Protein backbone atom coordinates (compact mmCIF):
# COMPACT_ATOMS: atom_id res chain seq x y z
CA MET A 1 -8.11 -15.72 28.28
CA ARG A 2 -7.77 -19.23 29.05
CA LYS A 3 -4.16 -20.81 28.36
CA THR A 4 -3.74 -23.67 25.69
CA ILE A 5 -3.45 -26.28 28.49
CA LEU A 6 -6.17 -25.28 31.04
CA ILE A 7 -5.13 -25.45 34.58
CA ALA A 8 -7.36 -27.76 36.35
CA SER A 9 -21.51 -9.96 50.05
CA LEU A 10 -20.13 -7.03 47.69
CA ALA A 11 -22.69 -5.07 48.08
CA ILE A 12 -23.09 -2.76 44.98
CA THR A 13 -21.67 0.62 46.00
CA ALA A 14 -20.72 2.86 43.20
CA LEU A 15 -23.25 2.62 40.32
CA THR A 16 -22.78 6.19 39.81
CA SER A 17 -20.85 6.33 36.65
CA CYS A 18 -23.94 4.40 34.86
CA THR A 19 -26.50 6.86 36.62
CA SER A 20 -25.86 10.29 35.04
CA THR A 21 -27.01 11.08 31.57
CA LYS A 22 -23.80 11.41 29.48
CA THR A 23 -22.81 14.11 27.30
CA SER A 24 -20.38 14.97 24.48
CA SER A 25 -18.89 17.43 22.45
CA THR A 26 -21.42 16.20 19.62
CA GLU A 27 -24.61 16.86 21.76
CA SER A 28 -26.30 18.91 19.14
CA THR A 29 -26.74 16.58 16.10
CA ALA A 30 -28.05 17.95 12.71
CA MET A 31 -31.16 16.54 11.36
CA THR A 32 -32.62 16.46 7.81
CA PRO A 33 -36.15 17.73 8.13
CA VAL A 34 -37.54 15.34 5.80
CA ASP A 35 -36.72 11.70 7.26
CA ASN A 36 -35.43 12.77 10.90
CA GLU A 37 -32.01 10.75 9.70
CA PRO A 38 -28.61 12.55 10.75
CA ARG A 39 -26.67 14.48 8.35
CA MET A 40 -23.62 12.78 7.84
CA MET A 41 -20.71 14.93 8.62
CA GLU A 42 -18.04 15.97 5.90
CA ASP A 43 -15.56 13.33 6.71
CA GLY A 44 -18.37 10.71 6.38
CA LYS A 45 -19.07 10.02 9.96
CA ASN A 46 -22.15 9.48 11.46
CA PRO A 47 -22.95 12.31 13.98
CA LEU A 48 -24.76 9.50 16.35
CA VAL A 49 -22.04 7.16 16.09
CA VAL A 50 -19.55 9.92 17.10
CA LYS A 51 -21.85 11.25 19.76
CA TYR A 52 -22.34 7.70 21.75
CA MET A 53 -18.85 6.46 21.02
CA ASN A 54 -17.68 9.57 22.68
CA THR A 55 -19.81 8.67 26.16
CA ILE A 56 -17.09 5.65 26.66
CA THR A 57 -14.47 7.21 28.61
CA ALA A 58 -11.20 6.17 29.86
CA ALA A 59 -12.15 7.65 33.48
CA GLU A 60 -15.30 5.63 33.62
CA LEU A 61 -13.69 2.87 32.45
CA LYS A 62 -11.12 3.09 35.09
CA GLU A 63 -13.61 3.55 38.21
CA GLN A 64 -15.41 0.37 37.35
CA LEU A 65 -12.46 -1.47 36.62
CA TYR A 66 -10.83 -0.73 39.91
CA GLU A 67 -14.06 -2.16 41.47
CA TYR A 68 -14.41 -5.36 39.14
CA ALA A 69 -10.86 -6.11 39.51
CA SER A 70 -10.78 -5.47 43.12
CA ASP A 71 -9.50 -7.99 45.75
CA ASP A 72 -13.29 -7.94 46.61
CA MET A 73 -14.03 -10.19 43.81
CA GLU A 74 -11.66 -12.82 45.04
CA GLY A 75 -10.31 -13.49 41.57
CA ARG A 76 -13.67 -14.57 40.34
CA MET A 77 -13.03 -18.20 39.89
CA THR A 78 -15.91 -20.04 38.45
CA GLY A 79 -18.32 -21.48 40.92
CA THR A 80 -16.56 -19.53 43.59
CA PRO A 81 -18.04 -16.76 46.05
CA GLY A 82 -16.20 -14.13 43.98
CA GLN A 83 -17.56 -15.41 40.99
CA ARG A 84 -21.05 -14.76 42.34
CA LYS A 85 -20.26 -11.18 43.49
CA ALA A 86 -19.04 -10.57 40.09
CA VAL A 87 -22.37 -11.56 38.55
CA GLU A 88 -24.59 -9.75 40.81
CA TYR A 89 -22.06 -6.68 40.26
CA LEU A 90 -23.39 -7.07 36.56
CA LYS A 91 -26.88 -7.56 37.04
CA GLY A 92 -26.76 -4.35 39.37
CA LYS A 93 -25.30 -2.08 36.47
CA TYR A 94 -27.77 -3.15 33.89
CA GLN A 95 -30.60 -2.76 36.43
CA VAL A 96 -29.46 0.92 37.08
CA MET A 97 -29.12 1.38 33.23
CA ASN A 98 -32.29 0.21 32.47
CA VAL A 99 -31.03 -2.38 30.37
CA PRO A 100 -33.54 -5.21 30.28
CA GLY A 101 -32.49 -8.86 31.06
CA GLY A 102 -31.47 -11.25 28.00
CA ALA A 103 -32.16 -14.65 29.70
CA GLN A 104 -35.51 -16.35 30.04
CA ASN A 105 -38.38 -14.20 31.01
CA GLY A 106 -36.29 -11.48 31.36
CA GLU A 107 -33.88 -12.52 34.09
CA TYR A 108 -30.09 -11.63 33.86
CA PHE A 109 -28.95 -15.18 34.73
CA GLN A 110 -28.40 -18.27 32.60
CA SER A 111 -28.05 -20.71 35.15
CA ILE A 112 -25.61 -23.72 34.32
CA PRO A 113 -26.05 -26.94 35.80
CA GLN A 114 -23.62 -28.94 37.89
CA GLU A 115 -23.63 -31.96 35.18
CA PHE A 116 -22.40 -29.36 32.36
CA PHE A 117 -19.02 -29.04 34.17
CA GLY A 118 -18.07 -32.66 34.30
CA LYS A 119 -16.19 -33.94 37.47
CA ARG A 120 -16.12 -30.44 38.80
CA GLU A 121 -18.71 -29.89 41.60
CA ILE A 122 -20.07 -26.46 40.69
CA THR A 123 -22.69 -24.13 39.17
CA SER A 124 -22.38 -21.22 37.48
CA GLU A 125 -24.18 -18.76 35.59
CA ASN A 126 -23.96 -16.51 32.35
CA VAL A 127 -25.33 -13.00 32.44
CA LEU A 128 -27.07 -11.50 29.67
CA ALA A 129 -28.38 -8.10 29.15
CA PHE A 130 -30.52 -7.45 25.96
CA ILE A 131 -31.57 -4.27 23.80
CA GLU A 132 -34.43 -4.84 21.64
CA GLY A 133 -33.98 -3.55 17.79
CA SER A 134 -36.58 -1.31 16.46
CA GLU A 135 -36.83 -2.72 12.77
CA LYS A 136 -35.43 -6.05 13.05
CA PRO A 137 -35.60 -7.25 16.38
CA GLU A 138 -35.54 -11.06 15.61
CA GLU A 139 -31.88 -10.57 14.29
CA VAL A 140 -29.07 -10.19 17.27
CA LEU A 141 -25.60 -9.27 17.18
CA VAL A 142 -24.06 -10.72 20.37
CA ILE A 143 -21.31 -8.55 21.95
CA SER A 144 -19.49 -10.93 24.38
CA ALA A 145 -16.89 -11.24 27.09
CA HIS A 146 -15.84 -13.53 30.07
CA LEU A 147 -16.57 -12.46 33.42
CA ASP A 148 -14.28 -15.05 35.38
CA HIS A 149 -10.64 -15.55 36.21
CA VAL A 150 -8.37 -17.87 38.12
CA GLY A 151 -9.20 -17.00 41.63
CA THR A 152 -6.69 -17.00 44.42
CA ARG A 153 -3.34 -18.90 44.98
CA ASN A 154 -1.34 -19.11 48.07
CA GLY A 155 -3.29 -16.29 49.52
CA GLU A 156 -3.00 -14.31 46.49
CA VAL A 157 -5.48 -12.55 44.76
CA TYR A 158 -5.60 -13.04 41.00
CA ASN A 159 -7.39 -9.88 39.88
CA GLY A 160 -7.66 -10.41 36.21
CA ALA A 161 -7.94 -6.48 35.58
CA ASP A 162 -6.82 -7.27 31.89
CA ASP A 163 -7.82 -10.95 31.53
CA ASP A 164 -10.93 -10.19 31.35
CA GLY A 165 -12.07 -7.19 33.45
CA SER A 166 -10.94 -5.20 30.42
CA GLY A 167 -13.57 -7.04 28.34
CA THR A 168 -16.17 -7.00 30.99
CA ILE A 169 -16.24 -3.41 31.66
CA ALA A 170 -15.62 -2.21 28.14
CA LEU A 171 -19.21 -4.65 27.61
CA VAL A 172 -21.08 -2.42 30.22
CA GLU A 173 -19.98 0.76 28.86
CA ILE A 174 -20.88 -0.26 25.30
CA ALA A 175 -24.37 -1.40 26.49
CA GLU A 176 -24.51 2.18 28.46
CA ALA A 177 -23.69 4.08 25.27
CA PHE A 178 -26.46 1.89 23.10
CA GLN A 179 -29.05 2.31 25.84
CA GLN A 180 -28.66 6.00 26.01
CA ALA A 181 -29.06 6.28 22.08
CA LYS A 182 -32.41 4.05 22.60
CA GLU A 183 -33.83 6.38 25.20
CA GLU A 184 -33.00 9.22 22.87
CA GLY A 185 -34.91 7.50 20.01
CA ASN A 186 -31.53 6.47 18.21
CA GLY A 187 -31.83 2.70 19.08
CA PRO A 188 -30.29 -0.02 17.12
CA LYS A 189 -32.08 -1.37 14.20
CA ARG A 190 -31.07 -4.94 14.81
CA SER A 191 -31.08 -6.38 18.74
CA ILE A 192 -27.99 -6.38 20.68
CA LEU A 193 -27.26 -9.43 23.16
CA PHE A 194 -24.59 -8.09 25.93
CA LEU A 195 -23.37 -11.80 26.82
CA HIS A 196 -21.05 -12.06 29.61
CA VAL A 197 -19.97 -15.62 30.03
CA THR A 198 -18.58 -17.70 33.15
CA ALA A 199 -15.93 -20.31 33.13
CA GLU A 200 -13.68 -19.46 29.96
CA GLU A 201 -10.74 -20.23 32.15
CA ILE A 202 -11.79 -23.90 32.54
CA GLY A 203 -12.40 -24.48 28.65
CA LEU A 204 -14.98 -21.74 27.35
CA GLN A 205 -17.68 -23.81 29.35
CA GLY A 206 -20.10 -20.51 29.59
CA SER A 207 -19.74 -19.40 26.20
CA LYS A 208 -20.23 -23.38 24.91
CA TYR A 209 -23.05 -23.89 27.20
CA TYR A 210 -24.63 -20.86 25.84
CA ALA A 211 -24.24 -21.91 22.03
CA GLN A 212 -25.61 -25.45 22.96
CA ASN A 213 -28.67 -23.28 24.89
CA PRO A 214 -29.00 -20.38 22.74
CA VAL A 215 -31.74 -17.81 24.33
CA TYR A 216 -31.78 -16.36 20.84
CA PRO A 217 -31.66 -18.88 17.76
CA LEU A 218 -27.94 -18.84 16.25
CA ALA A 219 -29.26 -18.57 12.71
CA ASN A 220 -30.55 -15.21 13.58
CA THR A 221 -27.19 -14.18 15.30
CA ILE A 222 -25.71 -12.18 12.81
CA ALA A 223 -21.99 -12.13 14.47
CA ASP A 224 -20.00 -12.34 17.84
CA LEU A 225 -17.60 -9.45 18.74
CA ASN A 226 -15.81 -10.98 21.61
CA ILE A 227 -13.57 -8.74 23.68
CA ASP A 228 -10.90 -10.61 25.89
CA MET A 229 -7.86 -8.62 27.10
CA ILE A 230 -7.95 -5.06 25.66
CA GLY A 231 -6.27 -2.72 28.39
CA ARG A 232 -2.41 -3.74 27.92
CA ILE A 233 0.26 -3.78 25.29
CA ASP A 234 2.01 -6.49 23.74
CA PRO A 235 5.43 -5.92 24.33
CA ALA A 236 6.41 -6.91 20.71
CA ARG A 237 4.35 -3.53 20.20
CA GLU A 238 5.38 -1.17 22.18
CA ALA A 239 7.19 1.09 19.45
CA LYS A 240 3.78 1.49 17.99
CA THR A 241 0.94 1.19 20.56
CA ASN A 242 -1.91 2.53 18.67
CA TYR A 243 -3.21 -1.04 17.63
CA VAL A 244 -5.55 -3.97 18.82
CA TYR A 245 -5.19 -7.43 17.26
CA LEU A 246 -8.14 -8.67 15.40
CA ILE A 247 -8.72 -12.37 14.94
CA GLY A 248 -11.45 -14.49 12.62
CA SER A 249 -12.89 -11.33 11.03
CA ASP A 250 -12.50 -12.70 7.87
CA MET A 251 -12.65 -16.62 8.46
CA LEU A 252 -16.56 -17.19 8.29
CA SER A 253 -17.45 -13.86 6.75
CA GLN A 254 -16.02 -11.24 4.20
CA ASP A 255 -18.73 -9.13 4.73
CA LEU A 256 -17.90 -8.79 8.63
CA HIS A 257 -14.09 -8.27 7.63
CA ASP A 258 -15.13 -5.41 5.39
CA MET A 259 -17.85 -3.75 7.82
CA SER A 260 -15.09 -4.02 10.78
CA GLU A 261 -12.48 -2.16 8.38
CA LYS A 262 -14.86 0.52 7.36
CA ALA A 263 -15.98 1.42 10.70
CA ASN A 264 -12.42 1.43 11.82
CA LYS A 265 -11.28 3.84 9.07
CA THR A 266 -14.07 5.84 9.44
CA TYR A 267 -14.20 6.38 13.07
CA VAL A 268 -11.00 5.57 15.25
CA ASN A 269 -8.25 4.52 12.46
CA MET A 270 -6.19 2.29 14.76
CA ASP A 271 -3.57 -0.02 13.44
CA LEU A 272 -5.86 -3.62 13.06
CA ASP A 273 -3.29 -6.07 13.42
CA TYR A 274 -3.76 -9.30 11.60
CA THR A 275 -0.75 -11.06 13.13
CA TYR A 276 -2.79 -13.90 14.96
CA ASN A 277 -5.55 -14.34 12.71
CA GLY A 278 -4.94 -17.55 11.62
CA LYS A 279 -6.00 -21.38 12.30
CA ASP A 280 -2.49 -22.36 11.68
CA ASP A 281 -1.25 -19.63 14.42
CA PRO A 282 1.23 -21.43 16.68
CA ASN A 283 -0.31 -19.59 19.50
CA ARG A 284 -3.70 -21.23 18.59
CA PHE A 285 -5.53 -17.60 19.84
CA TYR A 286 -8.51 -18.29 17.18
CA TYR A 287 -9.27 -21.37 19.56
CA ARG A 288 -8.71 -19.79 23.08
CA SER A 289 -11.78 -17.50 23.76
CA ASP A 290 -15.11 -17.44 23.70
CA HIS A 291 -15.92 -16.16 20.17
CA TYR A 292 -14.98 -19.70 19.03
CA SER A 293 -17.98 -21.34 20.49
CA PHE A 294 -19.85 -19.39 18.09
CA ALA A 295 -17.46 -19.97 15.14
CA GLU A 296 -18.00 -23.49 15.71
CA LYS A 297 -21.52 -22.91 15.14
CA ASN A 298 -20.87 -20.95 11.82
CA VAL A 299 -21.73 -17.68 13.40
CA PRO A 300 -19.32 -14.71 12.35
CA VAL A 301 -16.64 -13.75 14.84
CA ILE A 302 -14.05 -11.30 15.56
CA PHE A 303 -11.99 -11.45 18.35
CA TYR A 304 -10.47 -8.07 20.12
CA PHE A 305 -7.06 -8.70 21.77
CA ASN A 306 -4.44 -6.81 23.21
CA GLY A 307 -1.95 -9.96 23.44
CA THR A 308 -0.27 -11.17 26.37
CA HIS A 309 2.12 -9.71 28.52
CA GLU A 310 4.24 -10.34 31.68
CA ASP A 311 1.62 -10.35 33.81
CA TYR A 312 -0.71 -12.61 32.14
CA HIS A 313 -2.43 -14.99 34.55
CA LYS A 314 -0.42 -13.61 37.39
CA SER A 315 -1.46 -12.11 40.57
CA SER A 316 0.26 -8.64 39.13
CA ASP A 317 -2.75 -8.46 36.56
CA THR A 318 -4.22 -5.20 38.04
CA PRO A 319 -6.19 -2.41 37.33
CA ASP A 320 -3.19 0.36 37.93
CA LYS A 321 -1.08 -1.20 34.74
CA ILE A 322 -4.05 -0.63 32.19
CA GLU A 323 -3.44 1.93 29.62
CA TYR A 324 -6.61 3.61 30.04
CA ASP A 325 -6.63 5.97 26.86
CA LEU A 326 -5.91 2.99 24.77
CA TYR A 327 -8.41 1.13 26.53
CA ALA A 328 -11.31 3.83 25.77
CA GLN A 329 -10.39 3.91 22.25
CA ARG A 330 -10.48 0.35 21.90
CA ALA A 331 -13.85 0.27 23.16
CA GLN A 332 -15.13 2.94 21.14
CA LEU A 333 -13.93 0.97 18.23
CA ILE A 334 -15.86 -2.04 18.96
CA PHE A 335 -19.00 0.16 19.70
CA ALA A 336 -18.71 1.62 16.43
CA THR A 337 -18.42 -1.67 14.62
CA ALA A 338 -21.32 -3.07 16.48
CA TRP A 339 -23.13 0.40 15.68
CA GLU A 340 -22.27 -0.26 12.10
CA LEU A 341 -23.79 -4.10 12.18
CA ALA A 342 -26.70 -3.23 14.05
CA ASN A 343 -27.90 -0.87 11.59
CA ALA A 344 -26.48 -2.17 8.16
CA ASP A 345 -29.40 -2.61 5.33
CA GLN A 346 -28.06 -6.48 5.31
CA ARG A 347 -26.55 -8.90 8.04
CA PRO A 348 -22.96 -9.90 6.93
CA MET A 349 -23.21 -13.16 4.88
CA LEU A 350 -21.43 -16.32 5.39
CA LYS A 351 -18.88 -17.42 2.59
């Protein structure tokens, strides 16, 4: 996540976590003989949601985050060789998972030209992957996370494990869960765009570029679920750690907020903390991550966030400090919310 005041070849060697078919304790899903729809469980859960959300595990998140937030990525600063390694890594993951590219002509990269960055003599690219919906393919749910960080300083790599390696790898795992569902005949009714944006740390540039040059019309974009820092615990929350901060869910759409609350209560039951959910928040978190580029265009948003900590924007933001069980639970929450949005009878209405 960027600060309020902005501070102006990896070989893909470990793709194994995305190549094997995952299983869960709910592998055997009861179906009604009439319409082939899953029977609801006694507690009101959809067994398909439970099955696929449980494929998102702490072990797989950890394995991939140690790769993505390694020194080899050189801190992933926009326009640098490290950032290029990061986008190639992500492209390789989606190719192995058989998730198609979501950019023009089925490509994975949305290239951003130098002139978009003003005085910065750089180019960069967003990474897009896409699962087409089965019933309403023209309606698109975006799930986003920023792929960049702040690079190296004085010879030290700023790995950005939480910011935003945690969001990036959660997005990959969520995509894998939806792709498994699709391959098993349970794909989403609406399309889902998995959007890894670049240049967040230098002013939300990657998401701004997408919002100004959308591959899928923003009028058909039902919501953006943005993931930026979900692997750690805010020191202010150490006494009660089963939480995630939500920002923006009710600002443009009460429906989105209500669907988010329902998904959480049904499947995860975390403490959804709205401490920073306000345009008058002195931290201005609502304006500081990539969901805001969509909110400016009147697309409903939710920003998932664990809060800042002592390693924020420091070289000490490393994978060994991630709370992996909590990280997995938060990623499962986002998956469950995305499932409800992608399969609901109606898209969330604007206020």
